[in-house]
Full PDB file with SEQRES, HELIX, SHEET, SSBOND, CRYST1, ORIGX, SCALE, CONECT and MASTER records, all heavy atoms in Angstrom:
SEQRES   1 A   40  ARG LYS ALA ALA ASP PHE LEU GLU GLN MET GLU VAL PRO          
SEQRES   2 A   40  PHE GLU MET HIS ALA LEU SER ALA HIS ARG THR PRO ALA          
SEQRES   3 A   40  ALA VAL GLU SER PHE ALA SER GLY ALA LYS ASP ARG GLY          
SEQRES   4 A   40  VAL                                                          
HELIX    1 AA1 LYS A    2  GLN A    9  1                                   8    
HELIX    2 AA2 PRO A   25  GLY A   34  1                                  10    
HELIX    3 AA3 LYS A   36  ARG A   38  5                                   3    
CRYST1    1.000    1.000    1.000  90.00  90.00  90.00 P 1           1          
ORIGX1      1.000000  0.000000  0.000000        0.00000                         
ORIGX2      0.000000  1.000000  0.000000        0.00000                         
ORIGX3      0.000000  0.000000  1.000000        0.00000                         
SCALE1      1.000000  0.000000  0.000000        0.00000                         
SCALE2      0.000000  1.000000  0.000000        0.00000                         
SCALE3      0.000000  0.000000  1.000000        0.00000                         
ATOM      1  N   ARG A   1      12.317  -5.693 -10.474  1.00  0.00           N  
ATOM      2  CA  ARG A   1      11.834  -4.400  -9.982  1.00  0.00           C  
ATOM      3  C   ARG A   1      10.301  -4.352  -9.982  1.00  0.00           C  
ATOM      4  O   ARG A   1       9.686  -3.704  -9.146  1.00  0.00           O  
ATOM      5  CB  ARG A   1      12.415  -3.277 -10.833  1.00  0.00           C  
ATOM      6  CG  ARG A   1      12.115  -1.894 -10.327  1.00  0.00           C  
ATOM      7  CD  ARG A   1      12.820  -0.832 -11.146  1.00  0.00           C  
ATOM      8  NE  ARG A   1      14.254  -0.881 -11.059  1.00  0.00           N  
ATOM      9  CZ  ARG A   1      14.985  -0.389 -10.042  1.00  0.00           C  
ATOM     10  NH1 ARG A   1      14.383   0.173  -9.041  1.00  0.00           N  
ATOM     11  NH2 ARG A   1      16.284  -0.457 -10.067  1.00  0.00           N  
ATOM     12  N   LYS A   2       9.670  -5.061 -10.912  1.00  0.00           N  
ATOM     13  CA  LYS A   2       8.208  -5.084 -10.972  1.00  0.00           C  
ATOM     14  C   LYS A   2       7.620  -5.702  -9.709  1.00  0.00           C  
ATOM     15  O   LYS A   2       6.584  -5.268  -9.219  1.00  0.00           O  
ATOM     16  CB  LYS A   2       7.734  -5.820 -12.221  1.00  0.00           C  
ATOM     17  CG  LYS A   2       8.088  -5.090 -13.495  1.00  0.00           C  
ATOM     18  CD  LYS A   2       7.764  -5.896 -14.724  1.00  0.00           C  
ATOM     19  CE  LYS A   2       8.260  -5.164 -15.957  1.00  0.00           C  
ATOM     20  NZ  LYS A   2       8.237  -5.993 -17.152  1.00  0.00           N  
ATOM     21  N   ALA A   3       8.275  -6.715  -9.182  1.00  0.00           N  
ATOM     22  CA  ALA A   3       7.825  -7.315  -7.923  1.00  0.00           C  
ATOM     23  C   ALA A   3       8.014  -6.319  -6.775  1.00  0.00           C  
ATOM     24  O   ALA A   3       7.111  -6.133  -5.950  1.00  0.00           O  
ATOM     25  CB  ALA A   3       8.599  -8.605  -7.637  1.00  0.00           C  
ATOM     26  N   ALA A   4       9.168  -5.695  -6.730  1.00  0.00           N  
ATOM     27  CA  ALA A   4       9.433  -4.724  -5.666  1.00  0.00           C  
ATOM     28  C   ALA A   4       8.446  -3.559  -5.719  1.00  0.00           C  
ATOM     29  O   ALA A   4       7.926  -3.121  -4.688  1.00  0.00           O  
ATOM     30  CB  ALA A   4      10.876  -4.219  -5.777  1.00  0.00           C  
ATOM     31  N   ASP A   5       8.171  -3.072  -6.923  1.00  0.00           N  
ATOM     32  CA  ASP A   5       7.234  -1.954  -7.072  1.00  0.00           C  
ATOM     33  C   ASP A   5       5.845  -2.329  -6.567  1.00  0.00           C  
ATOM     34  O   ASP A   5       5.180  -1.539  -5.906  1.00  0.00           O  
ATOM     35  CB  ASP A   5       7.154  -1.497  -8.532  1.00  0.00           C  
ATOM     36  CG  ASP A   5       8.427  -0.825  -9.018  1.00  0.00           C  
ATOM     37  OD1 ASP A   5       9.288  -0.466  -8.193  1.00  0.00           O  
ATOM     38  OD2 ASP A   5       8.565  -0.675 -10.253  1.00  0.00           O  
ATOM     39  N   PHE A   6       5.393  -3.550  -6.875  1.00  0.00           N  
ATOM     40  CA  PHE A   6       4.067  -3.965  -6.429  1.00  0.00           C  
ATOM     41  C   PHE A   6       4.031  -4.140  -4.914  1.00  0.00           C  
ATOM     42  O   PHE A   6       3.061  -3.728  -4.261  1.00  0.00           O  
ATOM     43  CB  PHE A   6       3.629  -5.264  -7.127  1.00  0.00           C  
ATOM     44  CG  PHE A   6       2.228  -5.659  -6.767  1.00  0.00           C  
ATOM     45  CD1 PHE A   6       1.149  -4.979  -7.296  1.00  0.00           C  
ATOM     46  CD2 PHE A   6       1.985  -6.703  -5.886  1.00  0.00           C  
ATOM     47  CE1 PHE A   6      -0.154  -5.327  -6.956  1.00  0.00           C  
ATOM     48  CE2 PHE A   6       0.687  -7.067  -5.546  1.00  0.00           C  
ATOM     49  CZ  PHE A   6      -0.379  -6.370  -6.086  1.00  0.00           C  
ATOM     50  N   LEU A   7       5.055  -4.753  -4.342  1.00  0.00           N  
ATOM     51  CA  LEU A   7       5.095  -4.910  -2.889  1.00  0.00           C  
ATOM     52  C   LEU A   7       5.116  -3.545  -2.203  1.00  0.00           C  
ATOM     53  O   LEU A   7       4.455  -3.344  -1.176  1.00  0.00           O  
ATOM     54  CB  LEU A   7       6.304  -5.748  -2.473  1.00  0.00           C  
ATOM     55  CG  LEU A   7       6.265  -7.210  -2.934  1.00  0.00           C  
ATOM     56  CD1 LEU A   7       7.587  -7.896  -2.629  1.00  0.00           C  
ATOM     57  CD2 LEU A   7       5.090  -7.957  -2.306  1.00  0.00           C  
ATOM     58  N   GLU A   8       5.840  -2.605  -2.775  1.00  0.00           N  
ATOM     59  CA  GLU A   8       5.863  -1.237  -2.250  1.00  0.00           C  
ATOM     60  C   GLU A   8       4.453  -0.629  -2.296  1.00  0.00           C  
ATOM     61  O   GLU A   8       3.985  -0.035  -1.332  1.00  0.00           O  
ATOM     62  CB  GLU A   8       6.842  -0.393  -3.069  1.00  0.00           C  
ATOM     63  CG  GLU A   8       7.013   1.022  -2.585  1.00  0.00           C  
ATOM     64  CD  GLU A   8       7.885   1.127  -1.339  1.00  0.00           C  
ATOM     65  OE1 GLU A   8       8.604   0.176  -0.986  1.00  0.00           O  
ATOM     66  OE2 GLU A   8       7.844   2.195  -0.700  1.00  0.00           O  
ATOM     67  N   GLN A   9       3.785  -0.800  -3.431  1.00  0.00           N  
ATOM     68  CA  GLN A   9       2.418  -0.285  -3.596  1.00  0.00           C  
ATOM     69  C   GLN A   9       1.466  -0.897  -2.566  1.00  0.00           C  
ATOM     70  O   GLN A   9       0.587  -0.213  -2.042  1.00  0.00           O  
ATOM     71  CB  GLN A   9       1.927  -0.593  -5.010  1.00  0.00           C  
ATOM     72  CG  GLN A   9       0.498  -0.183  -5.305  1.00  0.00           C  
ATOM     73  CD  GLN A   9       0.032  -0.654  -6.677  1.00  0.00           C  
ATOM     74  OE1 GLN A   9       0.817  -1.018  -7.535  1.00  0.00           O  
ATOM     75  NE2 GLN A   9      -1.259  -0.658  -6.878  1.00  0.00           N  
ATOM     76  N   MET A  10       1.652  -2.169  -2.264  1.00  0.00           N  
ATOM     77  CA  MET A  10       0.792  -2.876  -1.308  1.00  0.00           C  
ATOM     78  C   MET A  10       1.242  -2.681   0.144  1.00  0.00           C  
ATOM     79  O   MET A  10       0.634  -3.217   1.059  1.00  0.00           O  
ATOM     80  CB  MET A  10       0.755  -4.373  -1.627  1.00  0.00           C  
ATOM     81  CG  MET A  10       0.050  -4.721  -2.917  1.00  0.00           C  
ATOM     82  SD  MET A  10      -1.736  -4.481  -2.836  1.00  0.00           S  
ATOM     83  CE  MET A  10      -1.896  -3.047  -3.891  1.00  0.00           C  
ATOM     84  N   GLU A  11       2.332  -1.929   0.345  1.00  0.00           N  
ATOM     85  CA  GLU A  11       2.874  -1.645   1.684  1.00  0.00           C  
ATOM     86  C   GLU A  11       3.328  -2.909   2.405  1.00  0.00           C  
ATOM     87  O   GLU A  11       3.133  -3.075   3.606  1.00  0.00           O  
ATOM     88  CB  GLU A  11       1.850  -0.869   2.517  1.00  0.00           C  
ATOM     89  CG  GLU A  11       1.445   0.449   1.891  1.00  0.00           C  
ATOM     90  CD  GLU A  11       0.338   1.168   2.655  1.00  0.00           C  
ATOM     91  OE1 GLU A  11       0.121   0.884   3.853  1.00  0.00           O  
ATOM     92  OE2 GLU A  11      -0.316   2.037   2.031  1.00  0.00           O  
ATOM     93  N   VAL A  12       3.953  -3.822   1.657  1.00  0.00           N  
ATOM     94  CA  VAL A  12       4.478  -5.065   2.207  1.00  0.00           C  
ATOM     95  C   VAL A  12       5.975  -4.911   2.388  1.00  0.00           C  
ATOM     96  O   VAL A  12       6.698  -4.660   1.418  1.00  0.00           O  
ATOM     97  CB  VAL A  12       4.179  -6.257   1.260  1.00  0.00           C  
ATOM     98  CG1 VAL A  12       4.857  -7.523   1.759  1.00  0.00           C  
ATOM     99  CG2 VAL A  12       2.680  -6.459   1.109  1.00  0.00           C  
ATOM    100  N   PRO A  13       6.479  -5.051   3.619  1.00  0.00           N  
ATOM    101  CA  PRO A  13       7.932  -4.962   3.828  1.00  0.00           C  
ATOM    102  C   PRO A  13       8.647  -6.089   3.082  1.00  0.00           C  
ATOM    103  O   PRO A  13       8.214  -7.239   3.114  1.00  0.00           O  
ATOM    104  CB  PRO A  13       8.093  -5.145   5.339  1.00  0.00           C  
ATOM    105  CG  PRO A  13       6.744  -4.880   5.924  1.00  0.00           C  
ATOM    106  CD  PRO A  13       5.747  -5.260   4.861  1.00  0.00           C  
ATOM    107  N   PHE A  14       9.727  -5.725   2.389  1.00  0.00           N  
ATOM    108  CA  PHE A  14      10.466  -6.729   1.628  1.00  0.00           C  
ATOM    109  C   PHE A  14      11.952  -6.423   1.666  1.00  0.00           C  
ATOM    110  O   PHE A  14      12.381  -5.317   1.973  1.00  0.00           O  
ATOM    111  CB  PHE A  14       9.968  -6.810   0.175  1.00  0.00           C  
ATOM    112  CG  PHE A  14      10.210  -5.567  -0.642  1.00  0.00           C  
ATOM    113  CD1 PHE A  14      11.346  -5.454  -1.437  1.00  0.00           C  
ATOM    114  CD2 PHE A  14       9.309  -4.511  -0.604  1.00  0.00           C  
ATOM    115  CE1 PHE A  14      11.571  -4.310  -2.187  1.00  0.00           C  
ATOM    116  CE2 PHE A  14       9.526  -3.364  -1.353  1.00  0.00           C  
ATOM    117  CZ  PHE A  14      10.661  -3.260  -2.152  1.00  0.00           C  
ATOM    118  N   GLU A  15      12.720  -7.447   1.358  1.00  0.00           N  
ATOM    119  CA  GLU A  15      14.167  -7.314   1.219  1.00  0.00           C  
ATOM    120  C   GLU A  15      14.549  -7.823  -0.151  1.00  0.00           C  
ATOM    121  O   GLU A  15      13.786  -8.565  -0.771  1.00  0.00           O  
ATOM    122  CB  GLU A  15      14.886  -8.112   2.321  1.00  0.00           C  
ATOM    123  CG  GLU A  15      14.605  -9.610   2.267  1.00  0.00           C  
ATOM    124  CD  GLU A  15      15.193 -10.384   3.440  1.00  0.00           C  
ATOM    125  OE1 GLU A  15      15.515  -9.791   4.471  1.00  0.00           O  
ATOM    126  OE2 GLU A  15      15.329 -11.616   3.292  1.00  0.00           O  
ATOM    127  N   MET A  16      15.709  -7.410  -0.621  1.00  0.00           N  
ATOM    128  CA  MET A  16      16.213  -7.869  -1.914  1.00  0.00           C  
ATOM    129  C   MET A  16      17.660  -8.310  -1.740  1.00  0.00           C  
ATOM    130  O   MET A  16      18.440  -7.618  -1.087  1.00  0.00           O  
ATOM    131  CB  MET A  16      16.142  -6.747  -2.956  1.00  0.00           C  
ATOM    132  CG  MET A  16      14.738  -6.266  -3.238  1.00  0.00           C  
ATOM    133  SD  MET A  16      14.702  -4.828  -4.333  1.00  0.00           S  
ATOM    134  CE  MET A  16      14.825  -5.626  -5.911  1.00  0.00           C  
ATOM    135  N   HIS A  17      17.984  -9.456  -2.338  1.00  0.00           N  
ATOM    136  CA  HIS A  17      19.350  -9.988  -2.259  1.00  0.00           C  
ATOM    137  C   HIS A  17      19.762 -10.574  -3.604  1.00  0.00           C  
ATOM    138  O   HIS A  17      18.920 -11.088  -4.343  1.00  0.00           O  
ATOM    139  CB  HIS A  17      19.450 -11.106  -1.219  1.00  0.00           C  
ATOM    140  CG  HIS A  17      19.169 -10.677   0.178  1.00  0.00           C  
ATOM    141  ND1 HIS A  17      20.079 -10.007   0.948  1.00  0.00           N  
ATOM    142  CD2 HIS A  17      18.051 -10.810   0.930  1.00  0.00           C  
ATOM    143  CE1 HIS A  17      19.549  -9.764   2.138  1.00  0.00           C  
ATOM    144  NE2 HIS A  17      18.322 -10.233   2.147  1.00  0.00           N  
ATOM    145  N   ALA A  18      21.026 -10.529  -3.885  1.00  0.00           N  
ATOM    146  CA  ALA A  18      21.610 -11.260  -5.009  1.00  0.00           C  
ATOM    147  C   ALA A  18      22.378 -12.436  -4.413  1.00  0.00           C  
ATOM    148  O   ALA A  18      23.321 -12.245  -3.644  1.00  0.00           O  
ATOM    149  CB  ALA A  18      22.542 -10.365  -5.819  1.00  0.00           C  
ATOM    150  N   LEU A  19      21.920 -13.637  -4.724  1.00  0.00           N  
ATOM    151  CA  LEU A  19      22.553 -14.861  -4.253  1.00  0.00           C  
ATOM    152  C   LEU A  19      22.569 -15.848  -5.409  1.00  0.00           C  
ATOM    153  O   LEU A  19      21.638 -15.878  -6.207  1.00  0.00           O  
ATOM    154  CB  LEU A  19      21.766 -15.482  -3.090  1.00  0.00           C  
ATOM    155  CG  LEU A  19      21.673 -14.656  -1.810  1.00  0.00           C  
ATOM    156  CD1 LEU A  19      20.662 -15.286  -0.856  1.00  0.00           C  
ATOM    157  CD2 LEU A  19      23.037 -14.545  -1.154  1.00  0.00           C  
ATOM    158  N   SER A  20      23.576 -16.663  -5.473  1.00  0.00           N  
ATOM    159  CA  SER A  20      23.694 -17.635  -6.553  1.00  0.00           C  
ATOM    160  C   SER A  20      23.797 -19.042  -5.993  1.00  0.00           C  
ATOM    161  O   SER A  20      24.652 -19.321  -5.145  1.00  0.00           O  
ATOM    162  CB  SER A  20      24.939 -17.327  -7.398  1.00  0.00           C  
ATOM    163  OG  SER A  20      25.189 -18.381  -8.299  1.00  0.00           O  
ATOM    164  N   ALA A  21      22.920 -19.922  -6.486  1.00  0.00           N  
ATOM    165  CA  ALA A  21      22.965 -21.321  -6.053  1.00  0.00           C  
ATOM    166  C   ALA A  21      24.285 -21.975  -6.421  1.00  0.00           C  
ATOM    167  O   ALA A  21      24.754 -22.878  -5.732  1.00  0.00           O  
ATOM    168  CB  ALA A  21      21.803 -22.091  -6.678  1.00  0.00           C  
ATOM    169  N   HIS A  22      24.920 -21.488  -7.495  1.00  0.00           N  
ATOM    170  CA  HIS A  22      26.160 -22.096  -7.963  1.00  0.00           C  
ATOM    171  C   HIS A  22      27.403 -21.374  -7.458  1.00  0.00           C  
ATOM    172  O   HIS A  22      28.422 -22.007  -7.186  1.00  0.00           O  
ATOM    173  CB  HIS A  22      26.183 -22.120  -9.501  1.00  0.00           C  
ATOM    174  CG  HIS A  22      25.044 -22.897 -10.072  1.00  0.00           C  
ATOM    175  ND1 HIS A  22      23.992 -22.302 -10.713  1.00  0.00           N  
ATOM    176  CD2 HIS A  22      24.788 -24.226 -10.072  1.00  0.00           C  
ATOM    177  CE1 HIS A  22      23.130 -23.230 -11.094  1.00  0.00           C  
ATOM    178  NE2 HIS A  22      23.587 -24.396 -10.719  1.00  0.00           N  
ATOM    179  N   ARG A  23      27.337 -20.052  -7.351  1.00  0.00           N  
ATOM    180  CA  ARG A  23      28.528 -19.280  -6.979  1.00  0.00           C  
ATOM    181  C   ARG A  23      28.633 -18.989  -5.478  1.00  0.00           C  
ATOM    182  O   ARG A  23      29.726 -18.770  -4.974  1.00  0.00           O  
ATOM    183  CB  ARG A  23      28.547 -17.972  -7.759  1.00  0.00           C  
ATOM    184  CG  ARG A  23      28.698 -18.185  -9.252  1.00  0.00           C  
ATOM    185  CD  ARG A  23      28.755 -16.856 -10.000  1.00  0.00           C  
ATOM    186  NE  ARG A  23      28.696 -17.099 -11.432  1.00  0.00           N  
ATOM    187  CZ  ARG A  23      27.631 -16.851 -12.193  1.00  0.00           C  
ATOM    188  NH1 ARG A  23      26.542 -16.335 -11.674  1.00  0.00           N  
ATOM    189  NH2 ARG A  23      27.657 -17.103 -13.479  1.00  0.00           N  
ATOM    190  N   THR A  24      27.481 -18.948  -4.797  1.00  0.00           N  
ATOM    191  CA  THR A  24      27.489 -18.670  -3.350  1.00  0.00           C  
ATOM    192  C   THR A  24      26.580 -19.662  -2.621  1.00  0.00           C  
ATOM    193  O   THR A  24      25.656 -19.261  -1.913  1.00  0.00           O  
ATOM    194  CB  THR A  24      27.038 -17.221  -3.052  1.00  0.00           C  
ATOM    195  OG1 THR A  24      25.690 -17.039  -3.524  1.00  0.00           O  
ATOM    196  CG2 THR A  24      27.966 -16.194  -3.668  1.00  0.00           C  
ATOM    197  N   PRO A  25      26.824 -20.960  -2.766  1.00  0.00           N  
ATOM    198  CA  PRO A  25      25.914 -21.941  -2.163  1.00  0.00           C  
ATOM    199  C   PRO A  25      25.810 -21.843  -0.642  1.00  0.00           C  
ATOM    200  O   PRO A  25      24.725 -22.041  -0.082  1.00  0.00           O  
ATOM    201  CB  PRO A  25      26.479 -23.288  -2.606  1.00  0.00           C  
ATOM    202  CG  PRO A  25      27.892 -23.021  -2.984  1.00  0.00           C  
ATOM    203  CD  PRO A  25      27.928 -21.599  -3.465  1.00  0.00           C  
ATOM    204  N   ALA A  26      26.895 -21.530   0.031  1.00  0.00           N  
ATOM    205  CA  ALA A  26      26.838 -21.409   1.493  1.00  0.00           C  
ATOM    206  C   ALA A  26      25.959 -20.232   1.909  1.00  0.00           C  
ATOM    207  O   ALA A  26      25.191 -20.322   2.876  1.00  0.00           O  
ATOM    208  CB  ALA A  26      28.249 -21.262   2.069  1.00  0.00           C  
ATOM    209  N   ALA A  27      26.048 -19.129   1.171  1.00  0.00           N  
ATOM    210  CA  ALA A  27      25.208 -17.962   1.468  1.00  0.00           C  
ATOM    211  C   ALA A  27      23.735 -18.267   1.209  1.00  0.00           C  
ATOM    212  O   ALA A  27      22.857 -17.835   1.962  1.00  0.00           O  
ATOM    213  CB  ALA A  27      25.656 -16.762   0.644  1.00  0.00           C  
ATOM    214  N   VAL A  28      23.449 -19.027   0.154  1.00  0.00           N  
ATOM    215  CA  VAL A  28      22.071 -19.421  -0.143  1.00  0.00           C  
ATOM    216  C   VAL A  28      21.540 -20.301   0.981  1.00  0.00           C  
ATOM    217  O   VAL A  28      20.416 -20.108   1.464  1.00  0.00           O  
ATOM    218  CB  VAL A  28      21.972 -20.144  -1.510  1.00  0.00           C  
ATOM    219  CG1 VAL A  28      20.598 -20.770  -1.701  1.00  0.00           C  
ATOM    220  CG2 VAL A  28      22.298 -19.189  -2.635  1.00  0.00           C  
ATOM    221  N   GLU A  29      22.342 -21.235   1.432  1.00  0.00           N  
ATOM    222  CA  GLU A  29      21.921 -22.118   2.522  1.00  0.00           C  
ATOM    223  C   GLU A  29      21.652 -21.322   3.791  1.00  0.00           C  
ATOM    224  O   GLU A  29      20.630 -21.517   4.458  1.00  0.00           O  
ATOM    225  CB  GLU A  29      22.973 -23.190   2.787  1.00  0.00           C  
ATOM    226  CG  GLU A  29      22.554 -24.159   3.875  1.00  0.00           C  
ATOM    227  CD  GLU A  29      23.536 -25.294   4.084  1.00  0.00           C  
ATOM    228  OE1 GLU A  29      24.601 -25.311   3.440  1.00  0.00           O  
ATOM    229  OE2 GLU A  29      23.219 -26.170   4.902  1.00  0.00           O  
ATOM    230  N   SER A  30      22.531 -20.407   4.128  1.00  0.00           N  
ATOM    231  CA  SER A  30      22.345 -19.576   5.318  1.00  0.00           C  
ATOM    232  C   SER A  30      21.093 -18.713   5.198  1.00  0.00           C  
ATOM    233  O   SER A  30      20.294 -18.619   6.136  1.00  0.00           O  
ATOM    234  CB  SER A  30      23.579 -18.690   5.516  1.00  0.00           C  
ATOM    235  OG  SER A  30      23.395 -17.836   6.605  1.00  0.00           O  
ATOM    236  N   PHE A  31      20.914 -18.095   4.032  1.00  0.00           N  
ATOM    237  CA  PHE A  31      19.731 -17.267   3.809  1.00  0.00           C  
ATOM    238  C   PHE A  31      18.466 -18.098   3.972  1.00  0.00           C  
ATOM    239  O   PHE A  31      17.549 -17.736   4.709  1.00  0.00           O  
ATOM    240  CB  PHE A  31      19.755 -16.644   2.404  1.00  0.00           C  
ATOM    241  CG  PHE A  31      18.388 -16.219   1.954  1.00  0.00           C  
ATOM    242  CD1 PHE A  31      17.845 -15.035   2.411  1.00  0.00           C  
ATOM    243  CD2 PHE A  31      17.630 -17.042   1.132  1.00  0.00           C  
ATOM    244  CE1 PHE A  31      16.554 -14.677   2.046  1.00  0.00           C  
ATOM    245  CE2 PHE A  31      16.353 -16.687   0.762  1.00  0.00           C  
ATOM    246  CZ  PHE A  31      15.816 -15.495   1.219  1.00  0.00           C  
ATOM    247  N   ALA A  32      18.369 -19.206   3.241  1.00  0.00           N  
ATOM    248  CA  ALA A  32      17.138 -20.000   3.207  1.00  0.00           C  
ATOM    249  C   ALA A  32      16.820 -20.613   4.562  1.00  0.00           C  
ATOM    250  O   ALA A  32      15.668 -20.593   5.005  1.00  0.00           O  
ATOM    251  CB  ALA A  32      17.237 -21.080   2.142  1.00  0.00           C  
ATOM    252  N   SER A  33      17.810 -21.143   5.229  1.00  0.00           N  
ATOM    253  CA  SER A  33      17.552 -21.803   6.512  1.00  0.00           C  
ATOM    254  C   SER A  33      17.200 -20.802   7.608  1.00  0.00           C  
ATOM    255  O   SER A  33      16.533 -21.160   8.577  1.00  0.00           O  
ATOM    256  CB  SER A  33      18.741 -22.675   6.926  1.00  0.00           C  
ATOM    257  OG  SER A  33      19.895 -21.881   7.098  1.00  0.00           O  
ATOM    258  N   GLY A  34      17.598 -19.547   7.458  1.00  0.00           N  
ATOM    259  CA  GLY A  34      17.294 -18.538   8.472  1.00  0.00           C  
ATOM    260  C   GLY A  34      16.154 -17.602   8.125  1.00  0.00           C  
ATOM    261  O   GLY A  34      15.772 -16.753   8.931  1.00  0.00           O  
ATOM    262  N   ALA A  35      15.562 -17.743   6.947  1.00  0.00           N  
ATOM    263  CA  ALA A  35      14.538 -16.796   6.486  1.00  0.00           C  
ATOM    264  C   ALA A  35      13.324 -16.754   7.417  1.00  0.00           C  
ATOM    265  O   ALA A  35      12.852 -15.677   7.788  1.00  0.00           O  
ATOM    266  CB  ALA A  35      14.107 -17.130   5.061  1.00  0.00           C  
ATOM    267  N   LYS A  36      12.809 -17.893   7.798  1.00  0.00           N  
ATOM    268  CA  LYS A  36      11.621 -17.936   8.653  1.00  0.00           C  
ATOM    269  C   LYS A  36      11.882 -17.253   9.991  1.00  0.00           C  
ATOM    270  O   LYS A  36      11.048 -16.481  10.477  1.00  0.00           O  
ATOM    271  CB  LYS A  36      11.175 -19.386   8.861  1.00  0.00           C  
ATOM    272  CG  LYS A  36       9.874 -19.501   9.620  1.00  0.00           C  
ATOM    273  CD  LYS A  36       9.417 -20.936   9.716  1.00  0.00           C  
ATOM    274  CE  LYS A  36       8.126 -21.010  10.512  1.00  0.00           C  
ATOM    275  NZ  LYS A  36       7.701 -22.396  10.702  1.00  0.00           N  
ATOM    276  N   ASP A  37      13.039 -17.502  10.582  1.00  0.00           N  
ATOM    277  CA  ASP A  37      13.384 -16.882  11.865  1.00  0.00           C  
ATOM    278  C   ASP A  37      13.531 -15.373  11.747  1.00  0.00           C  
ATOM    279  O   ASP A  37      13.369 -14.658  12.744  1.00  0.00           O  
ATOM    280  CB  ASP A  37      14.681 -17.488  12.425  1.00  0.00           C  
ATOM    281  CG  ASP A  37      14.505 -18.930  12.868  1.00  0.00           C  
ATOM    282  OD1 ASP A  37      13.350 -19.351  13.116  1.00  0.00           O  
ATOM    283  OD2 ASP A  37      15.524 -19.641  12.959  1.00  0.00           O  
ATOM    284  N   ARG A  38      13.826 -14.861  10.540  1.00  0.00           N  
ATOM    285  CA  ARG A  38      13.940 -13.417  10.325  1.00  0.00           C  
ATOM    286  C   ARG A  38      12.579 -12.773  10.049  1.00  0.00           C  
ATOM    287  O   ARG A  38      12.493 -11.575   9.820  1.00  0.00           O  
ATOM    288  CB  ARG A  38      14.875 -13.118   9.157  1.00  0.00           C  
ATOM    289  CG  ARG A  38      16.335 -13.406   9.424  1.00  0.00           C  
ATOM    290  CD  ARG A  38      17.283 -12.808   8.372  1.00  0.00           C  
ATOM    291  NE  ARG A  38      16.756 -12.729   7.029  1.00  0.00           N  
ATOM    292  CZ  ARG A  38      16.789 -13.716   6.125  1.00  0.00           C  
ATOM    293  NH1 ARG A  38      17.323 -14.874   6.452  1.00  0.00           N  
ATOM    294  NH2 ARG A  38      16.300 -13.538   4.914  1.00  0.00           N  
ATOM    295  N   GLY A  39      11.505 -13.575  10.016  1.00  0.00           N  
ATOM    296  CA  GLY A  39      10.172 -13.042   9.786  1.00  0.00           C  
ATOM    297  C   GLY A  39       9.701 -13.093   8.349  1.00  0.00           C  
ATOM    298  O   GLY A  39       8.604 -12.636   8.037  1.00  0.00           O  
ATOM    299  N   VAL A  40      10.509 -13.646   7.469  1.00  0.00           N  
ATOM    300  CA  VAL A  40      10.098 -13.785   6.073  1.00  0.00           C  
ATOM    301  C   VAL A  40       8.978 -14.824   6.010  1.00  0.00           C  
ATOM    302  O   VAL A  40       9.034 -15.852   6.674  1.00  0.00           O  
ATOM    303  CB  VAL A  40      11.286 -14.207   5.180  1.00  0.00           C  
ATOM    304  CG1 VAL A  40      10.841 -14.513   3.766  1.00  0.00           C  
ATOM    305  CG2 VAL A  40      12.360 -13.114   5.189  1.00  0.00           C  
TER     306      VAL A  40                                                      
MASTER        0    0    0    3    0    0    0    6  305    1    0    4          
END                                                                             
């Protein structure tokens, strides 16, 4: 939350996700490989 609060203060658009390298590896792969194309 401290990171989110600071980004909010700096007016930086951000997203938050819960992903697990061990429990949701396919979701992590999809997130990471598509992050740049989403503007992250």
